Amino acid sequence: MADIVFEAEHVSRSFDVSKGFLARLLSGSGKKYLRAVDDLSIRIERGTTLSLVGESGCGKSTVARLAVGLYSPSAGTIRFEGEPLSSARAQPALRRRMNMIFQDPYASLNPRWLVRDLVAEPIRAFHLLKSAGEIRERVTALLTQVGLTGADGEKYPHEFSGGQRQRISIARALSSEPDFLVCDEPTSALDVSVQAQILNLMRDLQQRLGLTYLFISHNLAVVRHVSDRLGVMYLGRIVEQGPAEAIFAAPRHPYTRLLLDAVPDLGMIGRARTAVGGEVPSPIDPPPGCPFHPRCPLADARCRSEKPGYTAAGPIMVACHAVAEGRDQPARASAVTS
């Protein structure tokens, strides 16, 4: 049986965005809820990477915060190492084995602290080492591991470039000796060349340390080279999930195909591409039926009225009526021949 490090079953998360009681009373309106995550189920095996991709506002960052316990689910169950997440978070020995790398490295680093103190903080918090000499040696080793030097520990975060600051964030995340890292768009604030360096570093660390990643990104080109499994999110729900190679080779959901059409690729010169049209609907007032139907080229009356369940398409699970009914086949055939 697979060694599952992280598991979420039918997890949802809603936020109360209602006006104040008096304003609702005067206007005669009821409460309003924003459903950021809708019935999400994922599993991540040890030493692998599951990436979640989608447009801004689809709920990816909410999933990241749910995964480390910063948010509690409104419904469903989250487990880490087989235990409910709330129970795992209450145990320091388990809590230290999960950590997070944030999107903006400068915002996540205290500008008043030296780098050596930033990296050493989890070591002290979890009492992993006692003497100052041992902590200093460990900090130097961590900084060296991410491509910096021990002398960099005597500087402040503002003295580094964006890519170097992200390396500091990775060193700090590794200082608690975790097994599971949630990476919330760790390269989106960086230049393209620096993105490649950070991704290569993260892949190397995963191979050497046996790390397990939940990787959040809006860029399919980024996750293509780091993912074992891929989940495509739209309006809080995973619409397609499966092995990354299978989805990139033959995407089934219309939204995934449109996202891949937007990825720059020299091999696709001369092929007709279709941009993702329209706007993402409001998660406060989502459309009935399939949430993607207002923007979907394959939508019909059933899509506009009935929410799709998951259909197995080989190793891929897809939430799409067109796939279940075989109506996507002509579109797939024309894409292959063009």
C-alpha atoms as a PDB file:
ATOM      1  CA  MET A   1       0.000   0.000   0.000  1.00  0.00           C
ATOM      2  CA  ALA A   2       1.271   3.495  -0.877  1.00  0.00           C
ATOM      3  CA  ASP A   3       2.852   5.532   1.929  1.00  0.00           C
ATOM      4  CA  ILE A   4       0.473   8.515   2.109  1.00  0.00           C
ATOM      5  CA  VAL A   5       1.937  11.569   3.847  1.00  0.00           C
ATOM      6  CA  PHE A   6      -0.970  13.976   3.304  1.00  0.00           C
ATOM      7  CA  GLU A   7      -4.609  13.287   2.563  1.00  0.00           C
ATOM      8  CA  ALA A   8      -7.692  15.473   2.222  1.00  0.00           C
ATOM      9  CA  GLU A   9     -11.159  13.935   1.824  1.00  0.00           C
ATOM     10  CA  HIS A  10     -14.148  15.995   0.645  1.00  0.00           C
ATOM     11  CA  VAL A  11     -12.717  19.175   2.154  1.00  0.00           C
ATOM     12  CA  SER A  12     -14.591  22.456   1.793  1.00  0.00           C
ATOM     13  CA  ARG A  13     -13.882  25.881   3.221  1.00  0.00           C
ATOM     14  CA  SER A  14     -16.327  28.805   3.280  1.00  0.00           C
ATOM     15  CA  PHE A  15     -15.868  32.361   4.546  1.00  0.00           C
ATOM     16  CA  ASP A  16     -18.630  34.572   5.933  1.00  0.00           C
ATOM     17  CA  VAL A  17     -18.570  37.764   3.822  1.00  0.00           C
ATOM     18  CA  SER A  18     -21.914  39.098   5.032  1.00  0.00           C
ATOM     19  CA  LYS A  19     -22.576  42.726   5.875  1.00  0.00           C
ATOM     20  CA  GLY A  20     -23.084  43.684   9.509  1.00  0.00           C
ATOM     21  CA  PHE A  21     -26.261  42.648  11.318  1.00  0.00           C
ATOM     22  CA  LEU A  22     -27.845  46.118  11.170  1.00  0.00           C
ATOM     23  CA  ALA A  23     -27.068  46.545   7.448  1.00  0.00           C
ATOM     24  CA  ARG A  24     -28.620  43.143   6.715  1.00  0.00           C
ATOM     25  CA  LEU A  25     -31.646  43.994   8.810  1.00  0.00           C
ATOM     26  CA  LEU A  26     -32.256  47.306   7.021  1.00  0.00           C
ATOM     27  CA  SER A  27     -31.721  45.834   3.554  1.00  0.00           C
ATOM     28  CA  GLY A  28     -33.629  42.629   4.248  1.00  0.00           C
ATOM     29  CA  SER A  29     -30.732  40.533   2.967  1.00  0.00           C
ATOM     30  CA  GLY A  30     -29.390  37.329   4.478  1.00  0.00           C
ATOM     31  CA  LYS A  31     -25.872  36.118   5.108  1.00  0.00           C
ATOM     32  CA  LYS A  32     -23.444  35.588   2.230  1.00  0.00           C
ATOM     33  CA  TYR A  33     -20.704  32.990   2.101  1.00  0.00           C
ATOM     34  CA  LEU A  34     -17.696  32.712  -0.190  1.00  0.00           C
ATOM     35  CA  ARG A  35     -16.917  29.063  -0.914  1.00  0.00           C
ATOM     36  CA  ALA A  36     -13.185  29.115  -1.522  1.00  0.00           C
ATOM     37  CA  VAL A  37     -12.689  25.319  -1.614  1.00  0.00           C
ATOM     38  CA  ASP A  38     -15.414  22.911  -2.726  1.00  0.00           C
ATOM     39  CA  ASP A  39     -15.273  19.144  -2.048  1.00  0.00           C
ATOM     40  CA  LEU A  40     -11.530  18.749  -2.518  1.00  0.00           C
ATOM     41  CA  SER A  41     -10.001  15.264  -2.264  1.00  0.00           C
ATOM     42  CA  ILE A  42      -6.264  14.699  -2.768  1.00  0.00           C
ATOM     43  CA  ARG A  43      -3.546  12.273  -1.654  1.00  0.00           C
ATOM     44  CA  ILE A  44       0.210  12.837  -1.712  1.00  0.00           C
ATOM     45  CA  GLU A  45       2.589   9.889  -1.506  1.00  0.00           C
ATOM     46  CA  ARG A  46       5.908  10.195   0.298  1.00  0.00           C
ATOM     47  CA  GLY A  47       8.699  11.688  -1.789  1.00  0.00           C
ATOM     48  CA  THR A  48       6.389  12.941  -4.553  1.00  0.00           C
ATOM     49  CA  THR A  49       5.011  16.307  -5.672  1.00  0.00           C
ATOM     50  CA  LEU A  50       1.350  17.142  -6.198  1.00  0.00           C
ATOM     51  CA  SER A  51       0.850  20.480  -7.951  1.00  0.00           C
ATOM     52  CA  LEU A  52      -2.360  22.503  -7.924  1.00  0.00           C
ATOM     53  CA  VAL A  53      -2.764  25.017 -10.751  1.00  0.00           C
ATOM     54  CA  GLY A  54      -5.429  27.457 -11.825  1.00  0.00           C
ATOM     55  CA  GLU A  55      -6.221  31.120 -12.325  1.00  0.00           C
ATOM     56  CA  SER A  56      -6.057  33.629  -9.486  1.00  0.00           C
ATOM     57  CA  GLY A  57      -8.997  33.276  -7.128  1.00  0.00           C
ATOM     58  CA  CYS A  58      -9.547  29.554  -7.721  1.00  0.00           C
ATOM     59  CA  GLY A  59      -8.759  28.605  -4.104  1.00  0.00           C
ATOM     60  CA  LYS A  60      -5.159  27.343  -4.410  1.00  0.00           C
ATOM     61  CA  SER A  61      -3.742  29.453  -1.584  1.00  0.00           C
ATOM     62  CA  THR A  62      -6.678  28.534   0.640  1.00  0.00           C
ATOM     63  CA  VAL A  63      -5.775  24.871   0.105  1.00  0.00           C
ATOM     64  CA  ALA A  64      -2.176  25.682   1.079  1.00  0.00           C
ATOM     65  CA  ARG A  65      -3.321  27.253   4.346  1.00  0.00           C
ATOM     66  CA  LEU A  66      -5.695  24.383   5.040  1.00  0.00           C
ATOM     67  CA  ALA A  67      -2.838  21.916   4.491  1.00  0.00           C
ATOM     68  CA  VAL A  68      -0.718  23.367   7.300  1.00  0.00           C
ATOM     69  CA  GLY A  69      -3.572  24.146   9.669  1.00  0.00           C
ATOM     70  CA  LEU A  70      -3.693  27.938   9.265  1.00  0.00           C
ATOM     71  CA  TYR A  71      -7.367  27.482   8.292  1.00  0.00           C
ATOM     72  CA  SER A  72      -9.748  24.841   9.584  1.00  0.00           C
ATOM     73  CA  PRO A  73     -11.981  23.090   7.033  1.00  0.00           C
ATOM     74  CA  SER A  74     -15.698  23.893   7.064  1.00  0.00           C
ATOM     75  CA  ALA A  75     -16.332  20.267   6.057  1.00  0.00           C
ATOM     76  CA  GLY A  76     -14.292  17.167   5.331  1.00  0.00           C
ATOM     77  CA  THR A  77     -11.187  15.605   6.834  1.00  0.00           C
ATOM     78  CA  ILE A  78      -7.467  16.381   6.516  1.00  0.00           C
ATOM     79  CA  ARG A  79      -4.855  13.866   7.666  1.00  0.00           C
ATOM     80  CA  PHE A  80      -1.093  14.112   8.066  1.00  0.00           C
ATOM     81  CA  GLU A  81       0.853  10.878   8.513  1.00  0.00           C
ATOM     82  CA  GLY A  82      -2.477   9.094   9.044  1.00  0.00           C
ATOM     83  CA  GLU A  83      -3.619  11.341  11.907  1.00  0.00           C
ATOM     84  CA  PRO A  84      -6.234  14.128  11.771  1.00  0.00           C
ATOM     85  CA  LEU A  85      -4.420  17.384  11.090  1.00  0.00           C
ATOM     86  CA  SER A  86      -5.714  19.026  14.268  1.00  0.00           C
ATOM     87  CA  SER A  87      -4.254  16.151  16.302  1.00  0.00           C
ATOM     88  CA  ALA A  88      -0.953  16.244  14.375  1.00  0.00           C
ATOM     89  CA  ARG A  89      -0.647  20.008  14.913  1.00  0.00           C
ATOM     90  CA  ALA A  90      -1.031  19.494  18.662  1.00  0.00           C
ATOM     91  CA  GLN A  91       2.048  17.239  18.728  1.00  0.00           C
ATOM     92  CA  PRO A  92       5.358  19.124  18.356  1.00  0.00           C
ATOM     93  CA  ALA A  93       7.057  15.999  16.977  1.00  0.00           C
ATOM     94  CA  LEU A  94       4.569  15.915  14.081  1.00  0.00           C
ATOM     95  CA  ARG A  95       4.027  19.666  13.733  1.00  0.00           C
ATOM     96  CA  ARG A  96       7.695  20.312  12.994  1.00  0.00           C
ATOM     97  CA  ARG A  97       7.552  17.801  10.125  1.00  0.00           C
ATOM     98  CA  MET A  98       5.325  20.106   8.072  1.00  0.00           C
ATOM     99  CA  ASN A  99       6.306  23.580   6.943  1.00  0.00           C
ATOM    100  CA  MET A 100       5.487  26.196   4.339  1.00  0.00           C
ATOM    101  CA  ILE A 101       7.341  28.295   1.760  1.00  0.00           C
ATOM    102  CA  PHE A 102       5.462  31.516   1.041  1.00  0.00           C
ATOM    103  CA  GLN A 103       4.985  33.405  -2.208  1.00  0.00           C
ATOM    104  CA  ASP A 104       6.724  36.646  -1.209  1.00  0.00           C
ATOM    105  CA  PRO A 105      10.047  35.883   0.518  1.00  0.00           C
ATOM    106  CA  TYR A 106      10.539  39.465   1.681  1.00  0.00           C
ATOM    107  CA  ALA A 107       7.122  39.667   3.355  1.00  0.00           C
ATOM    108  CA  SER A 108       7.696  36.344   5.146  1.00  0.00           C
ATOM    109  CA  LEU A 109      11.100  37.343   6.608  1.00  0.00           C
ATOM    110  CA  ASN A 110      11.324  39.682   9.590  1.00  0.00           C
ATOM    111  CA  PRO A 111      13.412  42.638   8.297  1.00  0.00           C
ATOM    112  CA  ARG A 112      14.727  43.379  11.813  1.00  0.00           C
ATOM    113  CA  TRP A 113      16.323  39.936  12.284  1.00  0.00           C
ATOM    114  CA  LEU A 114      19.644  38.702  11.008  1.00  0.00           C
ATOM    115  CA  VAL A 115      19.402  35.771   8.601  1.00  0.00           C
ATOM    116  CA  ARG A 116      21.091  33.444  11.106  1.00  0.00           C
ATOM    117  CA  ASP A 117      18.353  34.190  13.657  1.00  0.00           C
ATOM    118  CA  LEU A 118      15.587  33.704  11.069  1.00  0.00           C
ATOM    119  CA  VAL A 119      16.907  30.284  10.096  1.00  0.00           C
ATOM    120  CA  ALA A 120      17.616  29.280  13.706  1.00  0.00           C
ATOM    121  CA  GLU A 121      14.166  30.199  15.037  1.00  0.00           C
ATOM    122  CA  PRO A 122      12.476  26.808  14.262  1.00  0.00           C
ATOM    123  CA  ILE A 123      15.502  24.961  15.670  1.00  0.00           C
ATOM    124  CA  ARG A 124      15.085  26.799  18.967  1.00  0.00           C
ATOM    125  CA  ALA A 125      11.276  26.605  18.946  1.00  0.00           C
ATOM    126  CA  PHE A 126      11.277  22.811  18.600  1.00  0.00           C
ATOM    127  CA  HIS A 127      14.359  22.317  20.843  1.00  0.00           C
ATOM    128  CA  LEU A 128      16.163  20.366  18.121  1.00  0.00           C
ATOM    129  CA  LEU A 129      19.595  21.528  19.334  1.00  0.00           C
ATOM    130  CA  LYS A 130      20.647  23.023  22.651  1.00  0.00           C
ATOM    131  CA  SER A 131      24.049  24.698  22.510  1.00  0.00           C
ATOM    132  CA  ALA A 132      24.690  27.922  20.610  1.00  0.00           C
ATOM    133  CA  GLY A 133      27.621  26.288  18.802  1.00  0.00           C
ATOM    134  CA  GLU A 134      25.493  23.420  17.485  1.00  0.00           C
ATOM    135  CA  ILE A 135      22.791  25.826  16.307  1.00  0.00           C
ATOM    136  CA  ARG A 136      25.380  28.008  14.564  1.00  0.00           C
ATOM    137  CA  GLU A 137      26.856  25.003  12.752  1.00  0.00           C
ATOM    138  CA  ARG A 138      23.389  23.823  11.709  1.00  0.00           C
ATOM    139  CA  VAL A 139      22.464  27.263  10.347  1.00  0.00           C
ATOM    140  CA  THR A 140      25.692  27.390   8.344  1.00  0.00           C
ATOM    141  CA  ALA A 141      25.004  23.917   6.926  1.00  0.00           C
ATOM    142  CA  LEU A 142      21.445  24.912   5.948  1.00  0.00           C
ATOM    143  CA  LEU A 143      22.567  28.095   4.210  1.00  0.00           C
ATOM    144  CA  THR A 144      25.248  26.170   2.334  1.00  0.00           C
ATOM    145  CA  GLN A 145      22.681  23.555   1.354  1.00  0.00           C
ATOM    146  CA  VAL A 146      20.560  26.185  -0.446  1.00  0.00           C
ATOM    147  CA  GLY A 147      23.486  27.815  -2.248  1.00  0.00           C
ATOM    148  CA  LEU A 148      24.416  30.578   0.219  1.00  0.00           C
ATOM    149  CA  THR A 149      27.341  30.857   2.644  1.00  0.00           C
ATOM    150  CA  GLY A 150      27.689  30.916   6.406  1.00  0.00           C
ATOM    151  CA  ALA A 151      28.753  34.571   6.215  1.00  0.00           C
ATOM    152  CA  ASP A 152      25.355  35.431   4.724  1.00  0.00           C
ATOM    153  CA  GLY A 153      23.856  34.668   8.126  1.00  0.00           C
ATOM    154  CA  GLU A 154      25.296  37.953   9.429  1.00  0.00           C
ATOM    155  CA  LYS A 155      23.231  40.029   6.973  1.00  0.00           C
ATOM    156  CA  TYR A 156      19.654  41.301   6.942  1.00  0.00           C
ATOM    157  CA  PRO A 157      16.996  40.208   4.381  1.00  0.00           C
ATOM    158  CA  HIS A 158      17.039  43.566   2.544  1.00  0.00           C
ATOM    159  CA  GLU A 159      20.681  42.970   1.572  1.00  0.00           C
ATOM    160  CA  PHE A 160      19.727  40.065  -0.709  1.00  0.00           C
ATOM    161  CA  SER A 161      18.079  39.726  -4.113  1.00  0.00           C
ATOM    162  CA  GLY A 162      14.636  38.141  -4.501  1.00  0.00           C
ATOM    163  CA  GLY A 163      16.075  34.755  -5.456  1.00  0.00           C
ATOM    164  CA  GLN A 164      18.502  34.802  -2.524  1.00  0.00           C
ATOM    165  CA  ARG A 165      15.695  35.719  -0.132  1.00  0.00           C
ATOM    166  CA  GLN A 166      13.698  32.747  -1.368  1.00  0.00           C
ATOM    167  CA  ARG A 167      16.726  30.543  -0.691  1.00  0.00           C
ATOM    168  CA  ILE A 168      16.724  31.893   2.874  1.00  0.00           C
ATOM    169  CA  SER A 169      13.019  31.031   3.158  1.00  0.00           C
ATOM    170  CA  ILE A 170      13.758  27.483   1.977  1.00  0.00           C
ATOM    171  CA  ALA A 171      16.613  27.162   4.495  1.00  0.00           C
ATOM    172  CA  ARG A 172      14.295  28.289   7.276  1.00  0.00           C
ATOM    173  CA  ALA A 173      11.613  25.836   6.157  1.00  0.00           C
ATOM    174  CA  LEU A 174      14.188  23.021   6.221  1.00  0.00           C
ATOM    175  CA  SER A 175      15.515  23.949   9.660  1.00  0.00           C
ATOM    176  CA  SER A 176      12.723  22.069  11.465  1.00  0.00           C
ATOM    177  CA  GLU A 177      13.697  18.894   9.537  1.00  0.00           C
ATOM    178  CA  PRO A 178      10.309  18.523   7.800  1.00  0.00           C
ATOM    179  CA  ASP A 179       8.983  15.701   5.646  1.00  0.00           C
ATOM    180  CA  PHE A 180       6.196  17.733   4.019  1.00  0.00           C
ATOM    181  CA  LEU A 181       6.493  21.204   2.490  1.00  0.00           C
ATOM    182  CA  VAL A 182       3.626  23.320   1.196  1.00  0.00           C
ATOM    183  CA  CYS A 183       5.008  25.636  -1.492  1.00  0.00           C
ATOM    184  CA  ASP A 184       2.597  28.520  -2.136  1.00  0.00           C
ATOM    185  CA  GLU A 185       3.722  29.945  -5.500  1.00  0.00           C
ATOM    186  CA  PRO A 186       7.383  30.060  -4.378  1.00  0.00           C
ATOM    187  CA  THR A 187       8.669  31.314  -7.748  1.00  0.00           C
ATOM    188  CA  SER A 188       5.929  33.665  -8.981  1.00  0.00           C
ATOM    189  CA  ALA A 189       7.661  36.810  -7.623  1.00  0.00           C
ATOM    190  CA  LEU A 190      10.992  35.925  -9.273  1.00  0.00           C
ATOM    191  CA  ASP A 191      12.544  36.486 -12.692  1.00  0.00           C
ATOM    192  CA  VAL A 192      12.334  33.576 -15.133  1.00  0.00           C
ATOM    193  CA  SER A 193      16.037  32.693 -14.881  1.00  0.00           C
ATOM    194  CA  VAL A 194      15.877  32.788 -11.070  1.00  0.00           C
ATOM    195  CA  GLN A 195      12.703  30.669 -11.137  1.00  0.00           C
ATOM    196  CA  ALA A 196      14.638  27.900 -12.884  1.00  0.00           C
ATOM    197  CA  GLN A 197      17.382  28.048 -10.232  1.00  0.00           C
ATOM    198  CA  ILE A 198      14.898  27.771  -7.361  1.00  0.00           C
ATOM    199  CA  LEU A 199      12.992  24.922  -9.039  1.00  0.00           C
ATOM    200  CA  ASN A 200      16.222  23.024  -9.650  1.00  0.00           C
ATOM    201  CA  LEU A 201      17.201  23.578  -6.017  1.00  0.00           C
ATOM    202  CA  MET A 202      13.839  22.275  -4.784  1.00  0.00           C
ATOM    203  CA  ARG A 203      14.057  19.166  -6.986  1.00  0.00           C
ATOM    204  CA  ASP A 204      17.591  18.478  -5.759  1.00  0.00           C
ATOM    205  CA  LEU A 205      16.540  18.862  -2.110  1.00  0.00           C
ATOM    206  CA  GLN A 206      13.580  16.545  -2.663  1.00  0.00           C
ATOM    207  CA  GLN A 207      15.804  13.818  -4.087  1.00  0.00           C
ATOM    208  CA  ARG A 208      18.435  14.163  -1.356  1.00  0.00           C
ATOM    209  CA  LEU A 209      16.126  14.582   1.642  1.00  0.00           C
ATOM    210  CA  GLY A 210      13.080  12.576   0.515  1.00  0.00           C
ATOM    211  CA  LEU A 211      10.766  15.583   0.811  1.00  0.00           C
ATOM    212  CA  THR A 212       7.075  15.570  -0.115  1.00  0.00           C
ATOM    213  CA  TYR A 213       5.683  18.706  -1.788  1.00  0.00           C
ATOM    214  CA  LEU A 214       2.280  20.284  -2.247  1.00  0.00           C
ATOM    215  CA  PHE A 215       3.185  22.811  -4.940  1.00  0.00           C
ATOM    216  CA  ILE A 216       0.813  25.708  -5.648  1.00  0.00           C
ATOM    217  CA  SER A 217       1.155  27.661  -8.893  1.00  0.00           C
ATOM    218  CA  HIS A 218      -0.808  29.474 -11.585  1.00  0.00           C
ATOM    219  CA  ASN A 219       1.826  28.623 -14.199  1.00  0.00           C
ATOM    220  CA  LEU A 220       1.585  25.273 -15.970  1.00  0.00           C
ATOM    221  CA  ALA A 221       5.032  25.776 -17.500  1.00  0.00           C
ATOM    222  CA  VAL A 222       6.527  25.876 -13.992  1.00  0.00           C
ATOM    223  CA  VAL A 223       4.818  22.788 -12.579  1.00  0.00           C
ATOM    224  CA  ARG A 224       5.462  20.678 -15.672  1.00  0.00           C
ATOM    225  CA  HIS A 225       9.027  19.935 -14.578  1.00  0.00           C
ATOM    226  CA  VAL A 226       8.428  19.391 -10.858  1.00  0.00           C
ATOM    227  CA  SER A 227       5.137  17.455 -10.643  1.00  0.00           C
ATOM    228  CA  ASP A 228       4.394  13.780 -10.233  1.00  0.00           C
ATOM    229  CA  ARG A 229       0.659  14.431 -10.047  1.00  0.00           C
ATOM    230  CA  LEU A 230      -1.349  17.451 -11.142  1.00  0.00           C
ATOM    231  CA  GLY A 231      -4.651  18.909 -10.039  1.00  0.00           C
ATOM    232  CA  VAL A 232      -6.329  21.675 -12.061  1.00  0.00           C
ATOM    233  CA  MET A 233      -8.600  23.913  -9.968  1.00  0.00           C
ATOM    234  CA  TYR A 234     -11.451  26.127 -11.068  1.00  0.00           C
ATOM    235  CA  LEU A 235     -13.621  28.148  -8.698  1.00  0.00           C
ATOM    236  CA  GLY A 236     -12.621  26.109  -5.649  1.00  0.00           C
ATOM    237  CA  ARG A 237     -12.996  22.668  -7.208  1.00  0.00           C
ATOM    238  CA  ILE A 238     -10.516  20.282  -8.815  1.00  0.00           C
ATOM    239  CA  VAL A 239     -11.819  19.730 -12.351  1.00  0.00           C
ATOM    240  CA  GLU A 240      -9.025  17.407 -13.514  1.00  0.00           C
ATOM    241  CA  GLN A 241      -6.534  15.318 -11.548  1.00  0.00           C
ATOM    242  CA  GLY A 242      -4.051  12.603 -12.445  1.00  0.00           C
ATOM    243  CA  PRO A 243      -0.424  11.847 -13.329  1.00  0.00           C
ATOM    244  CA  ALA A 244       1.237  15.023 -14.597  1.00  0.00           C
ATOM    245  CA  GLU A 245       2.669  13.357 -17.721  1.00  0.00           C
ATOM    246  CA  ALA A 246      -0.754  12.008 -18.707  1.00  0.00           C
ATOM    247  CA  ILE A 247      -2.474  15.386 -18.328  1.00  0.00           C
ATOM    248  CA  PHE A 248       0.201  17.294 -20.254  1.00  0.00           C
ATOM    249  CA  ALA A 249       0.179  14.666 -23.009  1.00  0.00           C
ATOM    250  CA  ALA A 250      -3.633  14.480 -23.377  1.00  0.00           C
ATOM    251  CA  PRO A 251      -5.625  16.938 -21.239  1.00  0.00           C
ATOM    252  CA  ARG A 252      -9.326  16.093 -21.085  1.00  0.00           C
ATOM    253  CA  HIS A 253     -11.105  18.977 -19.369  1.00  0.00           C
ATOM    254  CA  PRO A 254     -11.777  21.982 -21.679  1.00  0.00           C
ATOM    255  CA  TYR A 255     -10.356  24.352 -19.042  1.00  0.00           C
ATOM    256  CA  THR A 256      -7.077  22.425 -18.863  1.00  0.00           C
ATOM    257  CA  ARG A 257      -6.768  22.457 -22.660  1.00  0.00           C
ATOM    258  CA  LEU A 258      -7.326  26.216 -22.739  1.00  0.00           C
ATOM    259  CA  LEU A 259      -4.713  26.760 -20.022  1.00  0.00           C
ATOM    260  CA  LEU A 260      -2.180  24.664 -21.940  1.00  0.00           C
ATOM    261  CA  ASP A 261      -2.898  26.658 -25.086  1.00  0.00           C
ATOM    262  CA  ALA A 262      -1.702  29.746 -23.213  1.00  0.00           C
ATOM    263  CA  VAL A 263       1.716  28.213 -22.409  1.00  0.00           C
ATOM    264  CA  PRO A 264       4.484  29.447 -24.772  1.00  0.00           C
ATOM    265  CA  ASP A 265       5.793  26.467 -26.757  1.00  0.00           C
ATOM    266  CA  LEU A 266       7.959  26.602 -29.894  1.00  0.00           C
ATOM    267  CA  GLY A 267       6.683  23.164 -30.880  1.00  0.00           C
ATOM    268  CA  MET A 268       3.170  24.588 -31.309  1.00  0.00           C
ATOM    269  CA  ILE A 269       4.056  27.303 -33.842  1.00  0.00           C
ATOM    270  CA  GLY A 270       1.402  27.419 -36.559  1.00  0.00           C
ATOM    271  CA  ARG A 271      -1.200  25.574 -34.499  1.00  0.00           C
ATOM    272  CA  ALA A 272      -4.462  27.364 -33.836  1.00  0.00           C
ATOM    273  CA  ARG A 273      -4.841  28.323 -30.189  1.00  0.00           C
ATOM    274  CA  THR A 274      -7.890  29.332 -28.226  1.00  0.00           C
ATOM    275  CA  ALA A 275      -7.569  31.800 -25.365  1.00  0.00           C
ATOM    276  CA  VAL A 276      -9.536  31.384 -22.140  1.00  0.00           C
ATOM    277  CA  GLY A 277     -12.365  33.869 -22.716  1.00  0.00           C
ATOM    278  CA  GLY A 278     -14.596  35.603 -20.234  1.00  0.00           C
ATOM    279  CA  GLU A 279     -14.096  36.281 -16.547  1.00  0.00           C
ATOM    280  CA  VAL A 280     -13.905  33.967 -13.544  1.00  0.00           C
ATOM    281  CA  PRO A 281     -17.365  33.998 -11.897  1.00  0.00           C
ATOM    282  CA  SER A 282     -17.710  35.258  -8.348  1.00  0.00           C
ATOM    283  CA  PRO A 283     -17.292  32.481  -5.750  1.00  0.00           C
ATOM    284  CA  ILE A 284     -19.940  34.298  -3.691  1.00  0.00           C
ATOM    285  CA  ASP A 285     -22.524  33.750  -6.433  1.00  0.00           C
ATOM    286  CA  PRO A 286     -21.244  30.875  -8.620  1.00  0.00           C
ATOM    287  CA  PRO A 287     -23.189  29.858 -11.728  1.00  0.00           C
ATOM    288  CA  PRO A 288     -25.516  26.839 -11.507  1.00  0.00           C
ATOM    289  CA  GLY A 289     -24.433  23.493 -12.902  1.00  0.00           C
ATOM    290  CA  CYS A 290     -20.824  23.261 -14.000  1.00  0.00           C
ATOM    291  CA  PRO A 291     -19.041  26.413 -12.786  1.00  0.00           C
ATOM    292  CA  PHE A 292     -17.002  26.570 -16.020  1.00  0.00           C
ATOM    293  CA  HIS A 293     -19.991  26.495 -18.382  1.00  0.00           C
ATOM    294  CA  PRO A 294     -20.169  30.296 -19.029  1.00  0.00           C
ATOM    295  CA  ARG A 295     -16.672  30.105 -20.583  1.00  0.00           C
ATOM    296  CA  CYS A 296     -16.706  26.563 -21.994  1.00  0.00           C
ATOM    297  CA  PRO A 297     -16.892  25.970 -25.773  1.00  0.00           C
ATOM    298  CA  LEU A 298     -18.505  22.528 -25.177  1.00  0.00           C
ATOM    299  CA  ALA A 299     -21.239  23.608 -22.735  1.00  0.00           C
ATOM    300  CA  ASP A 300     -24.826  22.495 -23.337  1.00  0.00           C
ATOM    301  CA  ALA A 301     -28.104  22.589 -21.397  1.00  0.00           C
ATOM    302  CA  ARG A 302     -27.008  19.839 -18.995  1.00  0.00           C
ATOM    303  CA  CYS A 303     -23.788  21.721 -18.171  1.00  0.00           C
ATOM    304  CA  ARG A 304     -25.836  24.806 -17.303  1.00  0.00           C
ATOM    305  CA  SER A 305     -28.109  22.968 -14.868  1.00  0.00           C
ATOM    306  CA  GLU A 306     -26.299  19.919 -13.421  1.00  0.00           C
ATOM    307  CA  LYS A 307     -23.036  19.886 -11.508  1.00  0.00           C
ATOM    308  CA  PRO A 308     -20.750  17.200 -13.009  1.00  0.00           C
ATOM    309  CA  GLY A 309     -19.349  14.324 -11.006  1.00  0.00           C
ATOM    310  CA  TYR A 310     -15.970  12.742 -11.653  1.00  0.00           C
ATOM    311  CA  THR A 311     -15.416  10.513 -14.674  1.00  0.00           C
ATOM    312  CA  ALA A 312     -12.392   8.227 -15.094  1.00  0.00           C
ATOM    313  CA  ALA A 313     -10.553   8.875 -18.357  1.00  0.00           C
ATOM    314  CA  GLY A 314      -7.712   6.381 -18.141  1.00  0.00           C
ATOM    315  CA  PRO A 315      -5.524   7.439 -15.188  1.00  0.00           C
ATOM    316  CA  ILE A 316      -7.162  10.887 -15.118  1.00  0.00           C
ATOM    317  CA  MET A 317     -10.269  11.915 -13.160  1.00  0.00           C
ATOM    318  CA  VAL A 318     -12.299  14.646 -14.853  1.00  0.00           C
ATOM    319  CA  ALA A 319     -15.356  16.607 -13.713  1.00  0.00           C
ATOM    320  CA  CYS A 320     -16.951  17.307 -17.101  1.00  0.00           C
ATOM    321  CA  HIS A 321     -20.224  16.265 -18.754  1.00  0.00           C
ATOM    322  CA  ALA A 322     -18.672  16.589 -22.236  1.00  0.00           C
ATOM    323  CA  VAL A 323     -15.969  14.045 -21.355  1.00  0.00           C
ATOM    324  CA  ALA A 324     -18.486  11.685 -19.748  1.00  0.00           C
ATOM    325  CA  GLU A 325     -20.687  11.849 -22.860  1.00  0.00           C
ATOM    326  CA  GLY A 326     -17.809  11.703 -25.359  1.00  0.00           C
ATOM    327  CA  ARG A 327     -18.591  15.162 -26.745  1.00  0.00           C
ATOM    328  CA  ASP A 328     -14.956  16.256 -26.316  1.00  0.00           C
ATOM    329  CA  GLN A 329     -13.622  13.729 -28.851  1.00  0.00           C
ATOM    330  CA  PRO A 330     -13.978  15.872 -32.011  1.00  0.00           C
ATOM    331  CA  ALA A 331     -12.222  18.771 -30.255  1.00  0.00           C
ATOM    332  CA  ARG A 332      -9.371  16.492 -29.178  1.00  0.00           C
ATOM    333  CA  ALA A 333      -9.005  14.997 -32.644  1.00  0.00           C
ATOM    334  CA  SER A 334      -8.849  18.416 -34.323  1.00  0.00           C
ATOM    335  CA  ALA A 335      -6.243  19.576 -31.774  1.00  0.00           C
ATOM    336  CA  VAL A 336      -4.020  16.577 -32.570  1.00  0.00           C
ATOM    337  CA  THR A 337      -4.237  16.944 -36.359  1.00  0.00           C
ATOM    338  CA  SER A 338      -3.790  20.719 -36.488  1.00  0.00           C
END
